[in-house]
């Protein structure tokens, strides 16, 4: 049986009150955008608290399902049969055909769960359950009813049309993209920052990203690694404008004029300043980082406080209380891990101090930055204005 329709389930959107329609409309928009990349034509529509995706032409089922599973805001995808109401006998025949096609003669347990949204239907929900259960038992004597832990839950929704489905495939969850503004992700070639981007996008935040490149100390392969990571994250987040900033001149100046135990903190502060400038130019409302408390010297509570002082914009740190293994688990789930561990170092690892300060003093850091003089500001402005911005999709 060729599946022609999918019922889309969402969760958090349903409690948005009078603004619910805004979230539903954004979810419909995101689904339609994603389905355009699937071979075939699809109709995506919203009606009476339900969202349907219907194939209008031949299509690849696995490709369509994969596309839907990458749309934030979807918690469940139900491959279904949608039929017009031609009376109960017609419904019963379709349900029996569905069960035969999906489950054959397997000795399974089942339960019928009907919902009658259209109250003029001649049978109520309990009557539909009983009569369809009887029809299934007559057609498949090897099957048994189990109302508590069935192998198959036969869902029947009586609406303008009637929906029949027995499977709910897990979606990506979260909120539809575009419902919570735009953020600037500080994206490196490591494990953490791609996961931070994914998790923030999952809450409906669209992404820009900034990558700090330091040629000739970092290779073009290191840069390509970051582009590859952005492509993987973009499967969930939609298109990402990747701002590639040449950071070499700034790093060399800091290395030459600042205490080496403060290198990481001062470099990080200038990254935040540059990221903030790019964020303001691109209508972003927050910066996003992959920092986690205590993971490295620049991520102690004291270090994070000193880093925060360098910028005024909201900084989102979705991984702040995660263990490293938790982060690795998510990176494996979303497909970034294998790319992240490729042995191409970025500018953060090339210029790392041997013994970085873990409890930096803000006034001491500011004095060290003062040694850089006015030229460092000019370097930062130059880095912002010269940034390359390919769009990753």
Protein backbone atom coordinates (compact mmCIF):
# COMPACT_ATOMS: atom_id res chain seq x y z
CA UNK A 1 0.00 0.00 0.00
CA UNK A 2 1.53 3.28 -1.12
CA UNK A 3 1.34 5.90 1.64
CA UNK A 4 0.00 9.14 0.19
CA UNK A 5 -0.56 11.18 3.36
CA UNK A 6 1.15 11.97 6.65
CA UNK A 7 -0.53 13.37 9.74
CA UNK A 8 1.86 15.71 11.54
CA UNK A 9 1.74 15.84 15.34
CA UNK A 10 3.07 18.70 17.44
CA UNK A 11 3.13 19.21 21.21
CA UNK A 12 4.25 22.51 22.72
CA UNK A 13 2.58 24.58 20.02
CA UNK A 14 -0.80 23.33 21.19
CA UNK A 15 -0.58 25.33 24.45
CA UNK A 16 0.22 28.68 22.84
CA UNK A 17 -3.30 30.03 23.31
CA UNK A 18 -4.37 32.82 21.00
CA UNK A 19 -0.94 32.84 19.34
CA UNK A 20 -1.13 29.17 18.43
CA UNK A 21 -1.99 29.87 14.80
CA UNK A 22 1.27 31.82 14.36
CA UNK A 23 3.31 28.79 15.39
CA UNK A 24 1.19 26.45 13.29
CA UNK A 25 1.62 28.68 10.23
CA UNK A 26 5.38 28.80 10.74
CA UNK A 27 5.50 25.01 11.06
CA UNK A 28 3.51 24.61 7.83
CA UNK A 29 5.94 27.02 6.14
CA UNK A 30 8.98 25.08 7.35
CA UNK A 31 7.50 21.72 6.28
CA UNK A 32 6.66 23.08 2.82
CA UNK A 33 10.19 24.48 2.44
CA UNK A 34 11.74 21.16 3.40
CA UNK A 35 9.44 19.07 1.18
CA UNK A 36 10.46 21.13 -1.87
CA UNK A 37 13.82 19.36 -1.67
CA UNK A 38 12.17 15.94 -1.96
CA UNK A 39 11.53 14.50 -5.41
CA UNK A 40 7.81 14.81 -6.09
CA UNK A 41 5.13 17.37 -5.28
CA UNK A 42 3.41 17.70 -1.92
CA UNK A 43 0.49 19.61 -0.50
CA UNK A 44 1.02 20.87 3.06
CA UNK A 45 -2.12 22.16 4.74
CA UNK A 46 -3.47 23.04 8.14
CA UNK A 47 -7.06 22.37 9.11
CA UNK A 48 -8.92 22.13 12.42
CA UNK A 49 -5.90 21.58 14.63
CA UNK A 50 -4.23 19.14 12.24
CA UNK A 51 -1.41 19.47 9.72
CA UNK A 52 -1.36 17.13 6.73
CA UNK A 53 1.34 16.42 4.15
CA UNK A 54 -0.11 14.77 1.04
CA UNK A 55 1.85 13.49 -1.94
CA UNK A 56 0.44 14.72 -5.25
CA UNK A 57 2.85 12.69 -7.39
CA UNK A 58 5.08 9.65 -7.05
CA UNK A 59 7.78 10.13 -4.43
CA UNK A 60 10.41 8.31 -2.38
CA UNK A 61 8.88 7.39 0.97
CA UNK A 62 12.19 7.15 2.86
CA UNK A 63 13.38 10.50 1.49
CA UNK A 64 10.11 12.19 2.46
CA UNK A 65 10.17 10.68 5.94
CA UNK A 66 13.79 11.76 6.46
CA UNK A 67 12.90 15.32 5.43
CA UNK A 68 10.00 15.44 7.91
CA UNK A 69 12.19 14.07 10.70
CA UNK A 70 14.52 17.07 10.29
CA UNK A 71 11.79 19.69 10.81
CA UNK A 72 11.79 21.24 14.27
CA UNK A 73 8.32 21.47 15.80
CA UNK A 74 7.23 18.00 14.69
CA UNK A 75 7.00 15.44 17.50
CA UNK A 76 5.27 12.68 15.54
CA UNK A 77 4.81 11.64 11.91
CA UNK A 78 1.90 9.33 11.17
CA UNK A 79 1.83 7.60 7.77
CA UNK A 80 -1.90 7.30 7.20
CA UNK A 81 -4.78 6.45 4.94
CA UNK A 82 -7.25 9.31 4.58
CA UNK A 83 -10.67 8.38 3.18
CA UNK A 84 -13.95 10.12 2.52
CA UNK A 85 -16.91 9.12 4.66
CA UNK A 86 -19.01 6.60 2.75
CA UNK A 87 -20.50 4.92 5.79
CA UNK A 88 -19.22 2.54 8.42
CA UNK A 89 -19.04 -0.54 6.18
CA UNK A 90 -16.69 1.32 3.85
CA UNK A 91 -14.56 2.43 6.83
CA UNK A 92 -14.47 -1.13 8.16
CA UNK A 93 -13.33 -2.50 4.78
CA UNK A 94 -10.52 0.09 4.57
CA UNK A 95 -9.34 -0.72 8.11
CA UNK A 96 -9.24 -4.45 7.36
CA UNK A 97 -7.30 -3.80 4.12
CA UNK A 98 -4.88 -1.54 6.02
CA UNK A 99 -4.25 -4.20 8.67
CA UNK A 100 -3.75 -6.89 6.03
CA UNK A 101 -1.31 -4.76 4.06
CA UNK A 102 0.68 -3.63 7.11
CA UNK A 103 0.65 -6.74 9.30
CA UNK A 104 -0.49 -9.67 7.18
CA UNK A 105 -1.33 -12.77 9.24
CA UNK A 106 0.98 -12.09 12.15
CA UNK A 107 -0.40 -13.11 15.57
CA UNK A 108 -0.43 -9.61 17.05
CA UNK A 109 -2.46 -7.92 19.74
CA UNK A 110 -4.29 -4.71 18.90
CA UNK A 111 -6.54 -2.00 20.23
CA UNK A 112 -8.81 0.37 18.31
CA UNK A 113 -8.69 4.01 19.49
CA UNK A 114 -11.32 6.15 17.76
CA UNK A 115 -11.81 9.89 18.12
CA UNK A 116 -15.02 11.38 16.78
CA UNK A 117 -14.35 15.06 16.18
CA UNK A 118 -17.36 15.27 13.86
CA UNK A 119 -20.30 14.73 16.20
CA UNK A 120 -22.88 14.05 13.47
CA UNK A 121 -21.22 10.72 12.71
CA UNK A 122 -23.84 8.06 13.52
CA UNK A 123 -21.60 6.04 15.87
CA UNK A 124 -19.83 7.39 18.94
CA UNK A 125 -16.18 6.58 19.72
CA UNK A 126 -16.88 3.53 21.89
CA UNK A 127 -19.21 2.07 19.27
CA UNK A 128 -16.59 2.58 16.54
CA UNK A 129 -14.00 0.87 18.74
CA UNK A 130 -16.24 -2.15 19.36
CA UNK A 131 -17.43 -2.62 15.79
CA UNK A 132 -14.00 -2.16 14.19
CA UNK A 133 -12.48 -4.49 16.78
CA UNK A 134 -15.04 -7.11 15.84
CA UNK A 135 -14.32 -6.64 12.11
CA UNK A 136 -10.56 -7.06 12.66
CA UNK A 137 -11.07 -10.21 14.77
CA UNK A 138 -13.34 -11.68 12.09
CA UNK A 139 -10.77 -10.99 9.38
CA UNK A 140 -7.73 -12.07 11.43
CA UNK A 141 -8.61 -14.83 13.92
CA UNK A 142 -4.96 -15.09 14.97
CA UNK A 143 -5.06 -11.56 16.40
CA UNK A 144 -6.24 -10.71 19.90
CA UNK A 145 -7.43 -7.57 21.65
CA UNK A 146 -5.20 -6.07 24.36
CA UNK A 147 -6.48 -2.75 25.68
CA UNK A 148 -3.46 -2.16 27.95
CA UNK A 149 -0.30 -3.05 25.98
CA UNK A 150 -1.25 -3.76 22.37
CA UNK A 151 1.31 -4.48 19.66
CA UNK A 152 -0.73 -2.31 17.29
CA UNK A 153 -2.80 0.74 18.18
CA UNK A 154 -5.34 1.32 15.41
CA UNK A 155 -6.06 5.07 15.43
CA UNK A 156 -9.26 6.29 13.78
CA UNK A 157 -9.98 10.02 13.55
CA UNK A 158 -13.43 10.94 12.31
CA UNK A 159 -13.18 14.46 10.95
CA UNK A 160 -14.33 15.98 7.66
CA UNK A 161 -12.50 12.98 6.20
CA UNK A 162 -11.46 9.92 8.20
CA UNK A 163 -7.83 9.26 9.14
CA UNK A 164 -6.53 5.72 9.68
CA UNK A 165 -3.03 5.14 11.07
CA UNK A 166 -1.19 2.65 13.26
CA UNK A 167 2.28 4.14 13.56
CA UNK A 168 3.72 7.31 15.08
CA UNK A 169 7.31 7.93 13.99
CA UNK A 170 9.31 10.21 16.27
CA UNK A 171 10.09 13.70 14.97
CA UNK A 172 12.80 16.22 15.91
CA UNK A 173 10.62 18.00 18.49
CA UNK A 174 11.24 21.55 19.61
CA UNK A 175 9.73 24.69 18.10
CA UNK A 176 9.39 25.72 14.44
CA UNK A 177 12.31 27.68 13.05
CA UNK A 178 11.71 31.41 12.89
CA UNK A 179 9.48 31.61 15.97
CA UNK A 180 12.25 32.81 18.32
CA UNK A 181 14.45 35.19 16.36
CA UNK A 182 17.98 34.73 15.03
CA UNK A 183 21.28 34.00 16.75
CA UNK A 184 24.98 34.13 15.83
CA UNK A 185 26.70 30.80 16.52
CA UNK A 186 30.45 30.81 17.24
CA UNK A 187 31.22 27.70 15.20
CA UNK A 188 34.54 25.89 15.48
CA UNK A 189 35.64 22.51 14.22
CA UNK A 190 35.10 20.86 17.61
CA UNK A 191 32.35 18.68 19.01
CA UNK A 192 30.53 21.25 21.13
CA UNK A 193 29.59 24.24 18.99
CA UNK A 194 27.66 22.32 16.28
CA UNK A 195 25.61 20.68 19.04
CA UNK A 196 24.98 24.11 20.60
CA UNK A 197 23.73 25.37 17.24
CA UNK A 198 21.44 22.37 16.80
CA UNK A 199 19.99 22.73 20.30
CA UNK A 200 19.33 26.45 19.94
CA UNK A 201 17.77 26.01 16.49
CA UNK A 202 15.55 23.33 18.05
CA UNK A 203 13.97 26.11 20.12
CA UNK A 204 12.96 27.99 16.96
CA UNK A 205 16.06 30.21 16.57
CA UNK A 206 17.38 30.71 13.02
CA UNK A 207 21.16 30.63 12.72
CA UNK A 208 24.02 32.67 11.39
CA UNK A 209 27.50 31.38 12.25
CA UNK A 210 30.98 32.85 12.53
CA UNK A 211 34.19 30.86 12.09
CA UNK A 212 37.59 32.28 13.04
CA UNK A 213 40.19 31.21 10.50
CA UNK A 214 43.93 31.72 11.07
CA UNK A 215 45.89 31.07 7.86
CA UNK A 216 48.61 29.87 7.46
CA UNK A 217 48.45 28.38 10.95
CA UNK A 218 45.16 26.66 10.16
CA UNK A 219 44.66 24.88 6.86
CA UNK A 220 41.99 25.14 4.20
CA UNK A 221 40.99 21.63 5.23
CA UNK A 222 40.23 22.96 8.73
CA UNK A 223 38.01 25.58 7.14
CA UNK A 224 36.29 22.97 4.96
CA UNK A 225 35.67 20.89 8.08
CA UNK A 226 33.68 23.77 9.57
CA UNK A 227 31.75 24.19 6.31
CA UNK A 228 30.93 20.47 6.43
CA UNK A 229 29.70 20.80 10.03
CA UNK A 230 27.54 23.78 9.06
CA UNK A 231 26.00 21.70 6.27
CA UNK A 232 25.05 18.96 8.73
CA UNK A 233 23.52 21.43 11.20
CA UNK A 234 21.70 23.15 8.30
CA UNK A 235 19.79 19.93 7.64
CA UNK A 236 17.88 20.83 10.79
CA UNK A 237 18.29 24.61 11.03
CA UNK A 238 17.75 25.59 7.41
CA UNK A 239 20.20 27.86 5.55
CA UNK A 240 23.11 29.25 7.60
CA UNK A 241 25.08 32.32 6.63
CA UNK A 242 28.64 31.36 7.61
CA UNK A 243 30.85 34.40 8.28
CA UNK A 244 34.50 33.38 7.87
CA UNK A 245 36.74 35.83 9.75
CA UNK A 246 40.51 36.03 9.24
CA UNK A 247 41.78 36.10 12.84
CA UNK A 248 45.53 35.67 12.25
CA UNK A 249 46.58 39.31 12.65
CA UNK A 250 44.66 39.70 15.91
CA UNK A 251 45.99 36.45 17.34
CA UNK A 252 49.59 37.34 16.53
CA UNK A 253 49.19 40.77 18.15
CA UNK A 254 47.76 39.21 21.32
CA UNK A 255 50.49 36.54 21.33
CA UNK A 256 53.18 39.21 20.99
CA UNK A 257 51.94 41.77 23.55
CA UNK A 258 49.92 39.91 26.21
CA UNK A 259 50.89 37.47 29.00
CA UNK A 260 50.75 33.95 27.62
CA UNK A 261 48.65 32.58 30.47
CA UNK A 262 45.97 35.11 29.43
CA UNK A 263 46.07 34.33 25.69
CA UNK A 264 42.97 32.14 25.59
CA UNK A 265 40.78 34.55 27.54
CA UNK A 266 41.86 37.63 25.58
CA UNK A 267 41.45 35.87 22.23
CA UNK A 268 38.05 34.67 23.33
CA UNK A 269 37.03 38.22 24.30
CA UNK A 270 37.96 39.51 20.85
CA UNK A 271 36.06 36.68 19.22
CA UNK A 272 32.99 37.71 21.21
CA UNK A 273 33.40 41.36 20.18
CA UNK A 274 33.72 40.46 16.49
CA UNK A 275 30.81 37.99 16.69
CA UNK A 276 28.68 40.68 18.32
CA UNK A 277 29.52 43.20 15.58
CA UNK A 278 28.55 40.66 12.91
CA UNK A 279 25.40 39.76 14.85
CA UNK A 280 24.29 43.38 14.95
CA UNK A 281 24.88 43.71 11.19
CA UNK A 282 22.78 40.61 10.50
CA UNK A 283 19.77 41.21 12.76
CA UNK A 284 20.78 38.58 15.32
CA UNK A 285 19.52 39.02 18.87
CA UNK A 286 22.00 36.74 20.67
CA UNK A 287 25.36 34.99 20.48
CA UNK A 288 25.46 31.19 20.82
CA UNK A 289 28.46 29.24 22.12
CA UNK A 290 29.25 25.63 22.96
CA UNK A 291 30.77 26.41 26.36
CA UNK A 292 30.28 24.03 29.28
CA UNK A 293 31.24 24.85 32.88
CA UNK A 294 34.70 23.59 33.75
CA UNK A 295 35.37 21.76 30.50
CA UNK A 296 38.52 23.81 29.75
CA UNK A 297 40.35 26.70 31.39
CA UNK A 298 38.39 29.34 29.47
CA UNK A 299 35.10 27.87 30.68
CA UNK A 300 35.43 28.17 34.45
CA UNK A 301 32.85 30.39 36.13
CA UNK A 302 35.43 33.15 36.53
CA UNK A 303 36.60 32.84 32.92
CA UNK A 304 33.05 32.95 31.57
CA UNK A 305 32.34 36.08 33.63
CA UNK A 306 35.39 37.83 32.17
CA UNK A 307 34.49 36.67 28.66
CA UNK A 308 30.92 37.95 29.04
CA UNK A 309 32.15 41.42 29.96
CA UNK A 310 33.53 41.89 26.44
CA UNK A 311 30.08 42.03 24.86
CA UNK A 312 26.62 43.39 25.66
CA UNK A 313 24.43 41.01 23.69
CA UNK A 314 22.66 38.03 25.22
CA UNK A 315 24.91 34.93 25.17
CA UNK A 316 23.10 31.59 24.89
CA UNK A 317 25.06 28.59 26.21
CA UNK A 318 22.78 25.56 25.76
CA UNK A 319 25.49 23.09 26.86
CA UNK A 320 26.50 24.94 30.00
CA UNK A 321 25.68 22.09 32.45
CA UNK A 322 26.25 19.12 30.12
CA UNK A 323 28.87 16.44 30.67
CA UNK A 324 31.15 15.81 27.69
CA UNK A 325 29.61 12.40 27.08
CA UNK A 326 26.14 13.98 26.93
CA UNK A 327 27.40 16.32 24.21
CA UNK A 328 29.07 13.48 22.30
CA UNK A 329 25.83 11.48 22.41
CA UNK A 330 23.91 14.33 20.78
CA UNK A 331 26.65 14.91 18.19
CA UNK A 332 26.43 11.25 17.20
CA UNK A 333 22.65 11.47 17.00
CA UNK A 334 22.67 14.47 14.66
CA UNK A 335 25.63 13.25 12.59
CA UNK A 336 28.33 15.81 13.42
CA UNK A 337 30.62 13.67 15.59
CA UNK A 338 32.67 11.93 12.89
CA UNK A 339 33.36 15.26 11.17
CA UNK A 340 34.20 17.02 14.46
CA UNK A 341 36.94 14.52 15.34
CA UNK A 342 38.76 14.88 12.02
CA UNK A 343 42.37 15.92 12.86
CA UNK A 344 42.34 19.46 11.49
CA UNK A 345 43.09 22.03 14.19
CA UNK A 346 41.43 25.43 14.42
CA UNK A 347 42.82 28.71 15.70
CA UNK A 348 41.76 28.02 19.31
CA UNK A 349 43.98 24.94 19.55
CA UNK A 350 46.95 26.36 17.59
CA UNK A 351 47.46 29.34 19.90
CA UNK A 352 46.50 27.75 23.22
CA UNK A 353 48.64 28.63 26.24
CA UNK A 354 50.60 25.88 28.02
CA UNK A 355 49.32 26.98 31.41
CA UNK A 356 46.19 29.12 30.88
CA UNK A 357 44.79 31.13 33.76
CA UNK A 358 41.65 29.55 35.24
CA UNK A 359 40.66 32.40 37.54
CA UNK A 360 41.33 35.52 35.47
CA UNK A 361 41.06 38.95 37.03
CA UNK A 362 38.99 41.30 34.87
CA UNK A 363 41.10 44.38 35.66
CA UNK A 364 44.32 42.50 34.87
CA UNK A 365 42.86 41.31 31.56
CA UNK A 366 41.77 44.85 30.69
CA UNK A 367 45.30 46.16 31.47
CA UNK A 368 46.78 43.52 29.18
CA UNK A 369 44.35 44.49 26.43
CA UNK A 370 45.36 48.12 26.92
CA UNK A 371 48.91 47.13 25.89
CA UNK A 372 47.52 46.27 22.45
CA UNK A 373 46.74 49.94 21.83
CA UNK A 374 44.28 51.37 19.31
CA UNK A 375 45.57 49.18 16.52
CA UNK A 376 43.73 46.14 17.85
CA UNK A 377 40.41 47.92 17.35
CA UNK A 378 41.35 48.67 13.76
CA UNK A 379 42.28 45.03 13.25
CA UNK A 380 38.89 43.93 14.60
CA UNK A 381 37.03 46.35 12.33
CA UNK A 382 39.06 45.11 9.37
CA UNK A 383 38.29 41.50 10.27
CA UNK A 384 34.56 42.24 10.40
CA UNK A 385 34.48 44.17 7.12
CA UNK A 386 36.58 41.54 5.30
CA UNK A 387 34.60 38.51 6.47
CA UNK A 388 33.53 36.11 3.73
CA UNK A 389 29.91 34.97 3.98
CA UNK A 390 28.97 31.86 2.04
CA UNK A 391 25.42 30.56 2.60
CA UNK A 392 25.28 26.95 3.69
CA UNK A 393 22.16 24.94 2.83
